[in-house]
Amino acid sequence: MKYFILLTDGLADEPITKLNNATPLEAASTPYMDLIASAGHYSMLSPTPKGCTGGSEVGNLTILGYDPRVHLTGRSPIEAAAIGIDMAEDDVALRCNFITLSNEADYSQKRILDYSAGEITTQEAGVLIDALNNAFANEKLDYHLGLSYRHCLILHHEGVNMTLTPPHNALGERVENISPKGDASNILYSMMEKSYDILSNHPINLARIEKGLNPANSVWFWGQGRPMTLPSFKEKYGISGGVITAVDLVRGIAKCAQMNIYSVEGATGTIHTNFDGKAAKAIDAFKNGEELVYLHIEAPDECSHQLDVHSKILSAECADSKLLRPVLDYLVGCGEDYAILIASDHPTLSQSGKHSSADVAYAMYFGKAGVYPTSSTVINFCEATATQNSNGKAADGLKLMESFIKGKYI
């Protein structure tokens, strides 16, 4: 038996007026998602357990069957694990974004213009991380390079009682309204303020400005937490599991769960990712004996944060045609029974750029070897049809993985 999960990060959304009150998923052409839903089972899913807030760390843990209320210590420790940072038990990891701030003279009055600094390249970011370490690193803290705008700050032997705001949830906000509070807040704010002076005139950013790109003129901290541990995925479910993703967060969850991690050249976490390479890597993983492949696509979430509805629709269509279709074709002909699950980890709202804790549409199909999915009536798989099919009750996300592996619809 082979199991394939297509995790469309942030694809779920709300109806949008300029789409005639359709969601991006509803407006997209996704014939293969439609077929999987029609031939199998589709409904609404709750990927955010009660007491949690919708986000990728919560949603991906939940869909993998790990209760975030038990295991989650913060977002950044997961990313730190992916980067390979060795943390002490009393260290604190924080996500360090490169962002673009407005140019008011007083740092506290500056506004967040871009949470990703124009999706700065990892190569450029590496030079800026070196500059930050040269300015700030000491026995109490150090910076670590991640991917693109996503990096990590480690505070050694520090408290974790902090109130920090994710920059993608604060576009247009003044720094003074969302500045760090709690443990180490003075240290964090001082580095943020000084980083503007260091970065705004850095040759990397002067070159970006000349090209018409947003500069990475400040750092921003959020997602704090201590190291996270998880039970092994294989011990938990009795099968091997592999993960394909372009983002450290999901890679870190996989590492903590001792799942196999597959890298894809050109995978970026944006709409410009290597879709074909991701599908090929999933097929190769199956051919090499992997029993379950969890293919994570970040593009819908990033498009939402950029308020780019058109690209979000395109990301859904690419996930359908360039990821689901080739993997489905392989699974049908691989000589084994197979199972397919399509879900989002949370909604990301295209009209505000913010995450939501609302339910999402999901589809599940169990296929026989050599048999292509068929259905006499094909529905448009989206939030509206899934809501109609849910009878007013969303499936429990924490039960999804176990049911999927056991071959049962929930």
Protein backbone atom coordinates (compact mmCIF):
# COMPACT_ATOMS: atom_id res chain seq x y z
CA MET A 1 0.00 0.00 0.00
CA LYS A 2 1.23 3.46 -0.90
CA TYR A 3 -0.06 6.65 0.74
CA PHE A 4 0.16 10.12 -0.82
CA ILE A 5 -0.71 13.36 0.95
CA LEU A 6 -0.88 16.65 -0.93
CA LEU A 7 -0.75 19.39 1.70
CA THR A 8 -1.76 22.72 0.16
CA ASP A 9 -0.53 25.24 2.71
CA GLY A 10 -3.02 28.07 3.25
CA LEU A 11 -5.10 27.23 0.17
CA ALA A 12 -8.38 27.37 2.11
CA ASP A 13 -9.93 30.85 2.03
CA GLU A 14 -13.12 32.89 2.26
CA PRO A 15 -15.43 33.94 -0.60
CA ILE A 16 -14.01 36.92 -2.48
CA THR A 17 -16.23 39.58 -4.05
CA LYS A 18 -14.16 39.98 -7.22
CA LEU A 19 -14.36 36.21 -7.75
CA ASN A 20 -18.18 36.41 -7.67
CA ASN A 21 -18.10 35.30 -4.03
CA ALA A 22 -16.10 32.19 -4.83
CA THR A 23 -12.98 31.16 -2.94
CA PRO A 24 -9.69 30.80 -4.88
CA LEU A 25 -10.04 27.00 -4.68
CA GLU A 26 -13.57 27.21 -6.02
CA ALA A 27 -12.47 29.54 -8.83
CA ALA A 28 -9.49 27.39 -9.82
CA SER A 29 -9.60 24.64 -12.43
CA THR A 30 -8.63 21.52 -10.45
CA PRO A 31 -10.02 18.50 -12.32
CA TYR A 32 -7.86 15.96 -10.48
CA MET A 33 -8.73 17.25 -7.02
CA ASP A 34 -12.36 17.23 -8.15
CA LEU A 35 -12.01 13.62 -9.28
CA ILE A 36 -10.38 12.43 -6.05
CA ALA A 37 -13.13 14.08 -4.01
CA SER A 38 -15.93 12.76 -6.23
CA ALA A 39 -14.62 9.19 -6.39
CA GLY A 40 -13.80 9.07 -2.68
CA HIS A 41 -14.89 11.18 0.24
CA TYR A 42 -14.85 14.93 0.78
CA SER A 43 -15.94 17.09 3.69
CA MET A 44 -14.69 19.76 6.07
CA LEU A 45 -11.74 19.24 8.39
CA SER A 46 -10.67 20.99 11.58
CA PRO A 47 -6.84 21.27 11.43
CA THR A 48 -6.73 23.63 14.41
CA PRO A 49 -7.51 21.91 17.73
CA LYS A 50 -9.53 23.77 20.33
CA GLY A 51 -7.36 26.22 22.21
CA CYS A 52 -4.90 26.68 19.32
CA THR A 53 -4.56 29.39 16.70
CA GLY A 54 -4.52 28.56 13.00
CA GLY A 55 -1.02 28.35 11.56
CA SER A 56 1.32 26.01 9.73
CA GLU A 57 3.02 24.68 12.86
CA VAL A 58 -0.36 23.75 14.38
CA GLY A 59 -1.95 22.49 11.16
CA ASN A 60 0.90 20.31 9.94
CA LEU A 61 1.42 18.73 13.36
CA THR A 62 -2.32 18.06 13.61
CA ILE A 63 -2.63 16.47 10.18
CA LEU A 64 0.37 14.26 10.96
CA GLY A 65 -1.45 13.20 14.13
CA TYR A 66 0.67 15.01 16.73
CA ASP A 67 -1.39 17.10 19.14
CA PRO A 68 0.17 20.59 19.14
CA ARG A 69 -1.25 21.18 22.62
CA VAL A 70 1.03 18.41 23.83
CA HIS A 71 4.10 18.75 21.64
CA LEU A 72 4.38 22.27 20.26
CA THR A 73 6.85 24.52 22.05
CA GLY A 74 6.88 27.28 19.42
CA ARG A 75 7.36 27.71 15.69
CA SER A 76 11.02 28.62 15.55
CA PRO A 77 12.35 25.58 17.46
CA ILE A 78 10.95 23.44 14.64
CA GLU A 79 12.76 25.52 12.05
CA ALA A 80 15.91 25.39 14.19
CA ALA A 81 15.73 21.60 14.08
CA ALA A 82 15.52 21.72 10.28
CA ILE A 83 18.57 23.96 10.06
CA GLY A 84 20.45 21.56 12.32
CA ILE A 85 20.93 23.85 15.30
CA ASP A 86 21.91 22.04 18.50
CA MET A 87 19.87 23.73 21.25
CA ALA A 88 20.26 23.36 25.00
CA GLU A 89 17.09 22.70 27.01
CA ASP A 90 16.99 26.29 28.26
CA ASP A 91 17.82 27.94 24.91
CA VAL A 92 15.13 29.86 23.04
CA ALA A 93 14.78 29.85 19.25
CA LEU A 94 13.10 32.75 17.47
CA ARG A 95 12.19 33.14 13.81
CA CYS A 96 14.18 36.02 12.36
CA ASN A 97 12.51 37.49 9.29
CA PHE A 98 14.19 39.94 6.97
CA ILE A 99 11.49 42.54 6.39
CA THR A 100 11.02 45.88 4.64
CA LEU A 101 10.13 48.88 6.82
CA SER A 102 9.07 52.36 5.75
CA ASN A 103 11.55 55.24 6.06
CA GLU A 104 10.28 57.38 8.97
CA ALA A 105 13.19 58.77 11.01
CA ASP A 106 11.95 57.28 14.30
CA TYR A 107 12.19 53.46 14.23
CA SER A 108 9.07 53.11 16.37
CA GLN A 109 7.03 54.98 13.76
CA LYS A 110 8.11 52.85 10.81
CA ARG A 111 5.53 50.53 9.24
CA ILE A 112 5.91 46.97 8.00
CA LEU A 113 5.68 47.14 4.20
CA ASP A 114 6.83 43.62 3.28
CA TYR A 115 7.21 40.64 5.64
CA SER A 116 9.60 38.87 3.22
CA ALA A 117 11.81 41.72 1.92
CA GLY A 118 10.76 40.99 -1.62
CA GLU A 119 11.45 37.26 -1.11
CA ILE A 120 15.15 37.99 -0.81
CA THR A 121 17.40 35.20 -2.07
CA THR A 122 19.17 32.88 0.34
CA GLN A 123 22.51 33.92 -1.12
CA GLU A 124 21.84 37.59 -0.38
CA ALA A 125 20.44 36.74 3.05
CA GLY A 126 23.59 34.83 3.93
CA VAL A 127 25.69 37.96 3.55
CA LEU A 128 23.27 39.91 5.76
CA ILE A 129 23.21 37.19 8.42
CA ASP A 130 27.01 37.40 8.56
CA ALA A 131 26.69 41.16 9.08
CA LEU A 132 24.26 40.63 11.96
CA ASN A 133 26.52 38.05 13.62
CA ASN A 134 29.47 40.42 13.29
CA ALA A 135 27.45 43.14 15.01
CA PHE A 136 25.56 41.21 17.68
CA ALA A 137 26.71 37.61 18.23
CA ASN A 138 28.17 36.82 21.64
CA GLU A 139 27.97 34.12 24.32
CA LYS A 140 24.28 34.95 24.78
CA LEU A 141 23.00 34.86 21.18
CA ASP A 142 23.75 33.99 17.56
CA TYR A 143 22.04 34.11 14.15
CA HIS A 144 21.63 31.15 11.78
CA LEU A 145 20.92 31.16 8.06
CA GLY A 146 17.71 29.55 6.84
CA LEU A 147 16.05 30.04 3.44
CA SER A 148 15.12 33.26 1.66
CA TYR A 149 13.75 35.66 4.31
CA ARG A 150 13.27 32.97 7.01
CA HIS A 151 16.13 32.68 9.52
CA CYS A 152 16.75 31.86 13.17
CA LEU A 153 18.02 33.64 16.28
CA ILE A 154 19.09 31.56 19.27
CA LEU A 155 19.07 33.14 22.72
CA HIS A 156 21.13 31.01 25.10
CA HIS A 157 19.80 30.29 28.60
CA GLU A 158 16.98 32.85 28.32
CA GLY A 159 13.35 33.03 29.40
CA VAL A 160 10.60 32.25 26.92
CA ASN A 161 7.76 34.41 28.26
CA MET A 162 7.54 36.73 25.26
CA THR A 163 4.78 38.41 23.29
CA LEU A 164 5.87 38.70 19.64
CA THR A 165 3.84 39.48 16.51
CA PRO A 166 4.25 37.59 13.19
CA PRO A 167 5.05 40.23 10.54
CA HIS A 168 2.75 38.67 7.94
CA ASN A 169 -0.13 39.41 10.33
CA ALA A 170 0.95 43.03 10.80
CA LEU A 171 1.37 44.56 7.33
CA GLY A 172 0.98 48.33 7.56
CA GLU A 173 1.30 48.36 11.35
CA ARG A 174 3.64 50.76 13.14
CA VAL A 175 6.54 49.16 15.02
CA GLU A 176 5.50 50.81 18.29
CA ASN A 177 2.17 48.95 18.28
CA ILE A 178 3.66 45.49 17.83
CA SER A 179 7.12 45.70 19.41
CA PRO A 180 8.42 42.79 21.58
CA LYS A 181 7.21 42.43 25.14
CA GLY A 182 8.31 40.16 27.97
CA ASP A 183 11.58 38.29 28.45
CA ALA A 184 14.55 39.74 26.52
CA SER A 185 12.27 42.36 24.91
CA ASN A 186 14.84 45.12 25.41
CA ILE A 187 17.54 43.03 23.74
CA LEU A 188 15.28 42.12 20.83
CA TYR A 189 14.04 45.66 20.24
CA SER A 190 17.55 47.06 20.42
CA MET A 191 18.77 44.61 17.77
CA MET A 192 15.77 45.37 15.55
CA GLU A 193 16.42 49.11 15.80
CA LYS A 194 20.16 48.80 15.23
CA SER A 195 19.65 46.33 12.38
CA TYR A 196 17.96 49.10 10.40
CA ASP A 197 21.13 51.17 10.56
CA ILE A 198 23.28 48.18 9.61
CA LEU A 199 21.09 46.85 6.81
CA SER A 200 19.54 49.88 5.16
CA ASN A 201 22.89 51.03 3.71
CA HIS A 202 24.36 47.57 3.15
CA PRO A 203 25.62 47.00 -0.43
CA ILE A 204 23.21 44.06 -0.80
CA ASN A 205 20.24 46.32 -0.14
CA LEU A 206 21.56 49.24 -2.18
CA ALA A 207 21.81 46.85 -5.12
CA ARG A 208 18.28 45.56 -4.50
CA ILE A 209 16.89 49.11 -4.42
CA GLU A 210 18.65 49.90 -7.69
CA LYS A 211 16.91 46.87 -9.24
CA GLY A 212 13.54 48.05 -7.95
CA LEU A 213 13.38 45.33 -5.26
CA ASN A 214 12.35 45.76 -1.64
CA PRO A 215 15.36 46.00 0.68
CA ALA A 216 15.84 43.76 3.72
CA ASN A 217 16.27 46.80 5.94
CA SER A 218 15.33 45.29 9.32
CA VAL A 219 15.04 42.04 11.22
CA TRP A 220 11.83 40.96 12.95
CA PHE A 221 11.51 38.29 15.65
CA TRP A 222 8.60 35.95 16.43
CA GLY A 223 7.63 32.29 16.95
CA GLN A 224 9.75 31.77 20.09
CA GLY A 225 10.10 28.43 21.88
CA ARG A 226 12.28 25.78 23.44
CA PRO A 227 13.40 22.55 21.67
CA MET A 228 10.59 20.22 20.52
CA THR A 229 10.59 16.42 20.52
CA LEU A 230 8.11 14.05 18.83
CA PRO A 231 7.50 10.29 18.83
CA SER A 232 8.82 8.59 15.70
CA PHE A 233 6.31 8.57 12.82
CA LYS A 234 7.23 4.96 11.96
CA GLU A 235 6.78 3.78 15.53
CA LYS A 236 3.49 5.68 15.79
CA TYR A 237 1.94 4.32 12.56
CA GLY A 238 4.00 1.29 11.58
CA ILE A 239 4.99 2.62 8.15
CA SER A 240 7.81 4.76 6.81
CA GLY A 241 7.10 8.37 5.95
CA GLY A 242 8.89 10.88 3.76
CA VAL A 243 8.41 14.64 3.41
CA ILE A 244 8.98 16.93 0.44
CA THR A 245 8.90 20.64 1.25
CA ALA A 246 10.70 23.91 0.59
CA VAL A 247 10.20 25.38 4.07
CA ASP A 248 12.16 24.78 7.25
CA LEU A 249 9.05 24.58 9.41
CA VAL A 250 7.74 21.41 7.77
CA ARG A 251 11.25 20.02 7.35
CA GLY A 252 11.78 20.53 11.07
CA ILE A 253 8.58 18.68 11.97
CA ALA A 254 9.73 15.83 9.75
CA LYS A 255 13.13 15.76 11.41
CA CYS A 256 11.61 15.72 14.90
CA ALA A 257 9.32 12.84 13.83
CA GLN A 258 12.29 10.98 12.30
CA MET A 259 10.69 11.03 8.84
CA ASN A 260 12.80 10.96 5.71
CA ILE A 261 13.34 14.39 4.13
CA TYR A 262 13.69 14.78 0.36
CA SER A 263 15.22 17.92 -1.13
CA VAL A 264 14.26 19.26 -4.55
CA GLU A 265 16.49 21.62 -6.50
CA GLY A 266 14.63 24.82 -7.31
CA ALA A 267 11.97 24.34 -4.62
CA THR A 268 11.39 27.85 -3.27
CA GLY A 269 8.19 27.92 -1.22
CA THR A 270 6.65 30.40 -3.69
CA ILE A 271 4.58 30.28 -6.89
CA HIS A 272 7.92 30.04 -8.74
CA THR A 273 8.82 26.70 -7.17
CA ASN A 274 9.89 23.57 -9.07
CA PHE A 275 6.53 21.82 -9.27
CA ASP A 276 7.74 19.20 -11.75
CA GLY A 277 10.75 18.39 -9.59
CA LYS A 278 8.58 17.92 -6.51
CA ALA A 279 6.31 15.45 -8.31
CA ALA A 280 9.32 13.56 -9.69
CA LYS A 281 10.87 13.37 -6.22
CA ALA A 282 7.63 11.98 -4.76
CA ILE A 283 7.54 9.27 -7.43
CA ASP A 284 11.22 8.46 -6.87
CA ALA A 285 10.59 8.16 -3.13
CA PHE A 286 7.80 5.66 -3.74
CA LYS A 287 9.95 3.71 -6.20
CA ASN A 288 12.70 3.50 -3.59
CA GLY A 289 10.38 1.95 -1.03
CA GLU A 290 8.83 4.89 0.80
CA GLU A 291 5.36 3.91 2.01
CA LEU A 292 3.94 7.39 2.67
CA VAL A 293 4.89 10.66 0.97
CA TYR A 294 3.80 14.00 2.43
CA LEU A 295 4.19 16.61 -0.33
CA HIS A 296 3.89 20.11 1.08
CA ILE A 297 3.31 23.08 -1.22
CA GLU A 298 3.81 26.53 0.31
CA ALA A 299 2.81 28.67 -2.70
CA PRO A 300 -0.89 29.23 -1.82
CA ASP A 301 0.04 30.57 1.61
CA GLU A 302 2.70 32.92 0.24
CA CYS A 303 0.34 34.23 -2.46
CA SER A 304 -2.28 34.93 0.21
CA HIS A 305 0.16 36.87 2.36
CA GLN A 306 1.00 38.94 -0.73
CA LEU A 307 -2.76 39.52 -1.32
CA ASP A 308 -2.26 38.04 -4.80
CA VAL A 309 -5.52 36.22 -5.54
CA HIS A 310 -4.66 35.51 -9.17
CA SER A 311 -1.42 33.74 -8.22
CA LYS A 312 -3.19 31.83 -5.46
CA ILE A 313 -5.63 30.44 -8.02
CA LEU A 314 -2.67 29.58 -10.26
CA SER A 315 -0.92 27.81 -7.35
CA ALA A 316 -3.98 25.60 -6.86
CA GLU A 317 -4.05 24.78 -10.55
CA CYS A 318 -0.33 23.97 -10.60
CA ALA A 319 -0.73 21.75 -7.53
CA ASP A 320 -3.50 19.92 -9.38
CA SER A 321 -1.87 19.52 -12.80
CA LYS A 322 1.83 19.39 -11.93
CA LEU A 323 1.75 17.56 -8.59
CA LEU A 324 -1.41 15.52 -8.17
CA ARG A 325 -1.83 14.38 -11.77
CA PRO A 326 1.64 12.80 -12.29
CA VAL A 327 1.70 11.20 -8.85
CA LEU A 328 -1.80 9.81 -9.37
CA ASP A 329 -0.77 8.37 -12.73
CA TYR A 330 2.22 6.69 -11.10
CA LEU A 331 0.19 5.29 -8.20
CA VAL A 332 -2.43 3.78 -10.50
CA GLY A 333 0.26 1.92 -12.41
CA CYS A 334 2.62 1.02 -9.56
CA GLY A 335 1.10 -2.40 -8.94
CA GLU A 336 -0.08 -1.68 -5.38
CA ASP A 337 -3.23 -0.38 -3.77
CA TYR A 338 -2.94 3.30 -2.96
CA ALA A 339 -4.50 6.11 -0.95
CA ILE A 340 -4.61 9.86 -1.60
CA LEU A 341 -5.36 12.68 0.83
CA ILE A 342 -5.71 16.37 -0.10
CA ALA A 343 -5.97 18.99 2.64
CA SER A 344 -4.87 22.42 3.84
CA ASP A 345 -3.23 23.08 7.19
CA HIS A 346 -5.25 26.29 7.74
CA PRO A 347 -6.94 29.01 5.68
CA THR A 348 -4.92 32.06 4.69
CA LEU A 349 -7.18 34.93 3.74
CA SER A 350 -6.35 36.61 0.45
CA GLN A 351 -8.13 39.81 1.38
CA SER A 352 -6.17 40.41 4.61
CA GLY A 353 -3.10 38.20 4.28
CA LYS A 354 -3.79 36.67 7.68
CA HIS A 355 -4.10 33.08 8.87
CA SER A 356 -7.43 31.78 10.12
CA SER A 357 -8.46 29.03 12.53
CA ALA A 358 -11.49 28.10 10.40
CA ASP A 359 -12.15 24.63 8.98
CA VAL A 360 -10.82 23.58 5.57
CA ALA A 361 -11.99 21.30 2.77
CA TYR A 362 -10.34 17.90 2.46
CA ALA A 363 -10.67 14.86 0.18
CA MET A 364 -9.63 11.24 0.65
CA TYR A 365 -9.62 8.34 -1.82
CA PHE A 366 -8.63 4.67 -1.51
CA GLY A 367 -7.73 3.06 -4.83
CA LYS A 368 -7.08 -0.46 -6.07
CA ALA A 369 -3.96 -1.37 -8.01
CA GLY A 370 -4.33 -0.52 -11.69
CA VAL A 371 -7.72 1.16 -11.25
CA TYR A 372 -8.08 4.86 -12.09
CA PRO A 373 -10.55 6.86 -9.97
CA THR A 374 -13.95 7.27 -11.62
CA SER A 375 -17.21 8.92 -10.64
CA SER A 376 -20.54 9.25 -12.41
CA THR A 377 -20.84 12.81 -11.09
CA VAL A 378 -17.82 15.05 -10.61
CA ILE A 379 -18.17 17.86 -8.08
CA ASN A 380 -16.17 21.07 -7.81
CA PHE A 381 -14.00 20.31 -4.79
CA CYS A 382 -14.00 23.47 -2.67
CA GLU A 383 -15.11 24.87 0.66
CA ALA A 384 -18.73 25.29 -0.43
CA THR A 385 -19.30 21.71 -1.62
CA ALA A 386 -17.32 20.27 1.29
CA THR A 387 -19.45 22.25 3.74
CA GLN A 388 -22.61 20.93 2.11
CA ASN A 389 -21.27 17.38 2.39
CA SER A 390 -20.18 17.74 6.01
CA ASN A 391 -23.65 17.75 7.58
CA GLY A 392 -22.52 20.63 9.75
CA LYS A 393 -19.69 18.72 11.40
CA ALA A 394 -16.00 19.00 10.55
CA ALA A 395 -13.75 15.95 10.89
CA ASP A 396 -11.21 15.98 13.73
CA GLY A 397 -7.80 16.73 12.23
CA LEU A 398 -6.02 14.78 14.96
CA LYS A 399 -7.79 11.59 13.85
CA LEU A 400 -7.15 12.09 10.15
CA MET A 401 -3.77 10.38 9.75
CA GLU A 402 -4.71 7.26 11.69
CA SER A 403 -7.94 6.88 9.71
CA PHE A 404 -6.10 7.48 6.44
CA ILE A 405 -3.51 4.80 7.13
CA LYS A 406 -6.21 2.35 8.29
CA GLY A 407 -8.16 2.94 5.08
CA LYS A 408 -11.19 4.51 6.73
CA TYR A 409 -13.09 7.67 5.85
CA ILE A 410 -13.90 10.04 8.71
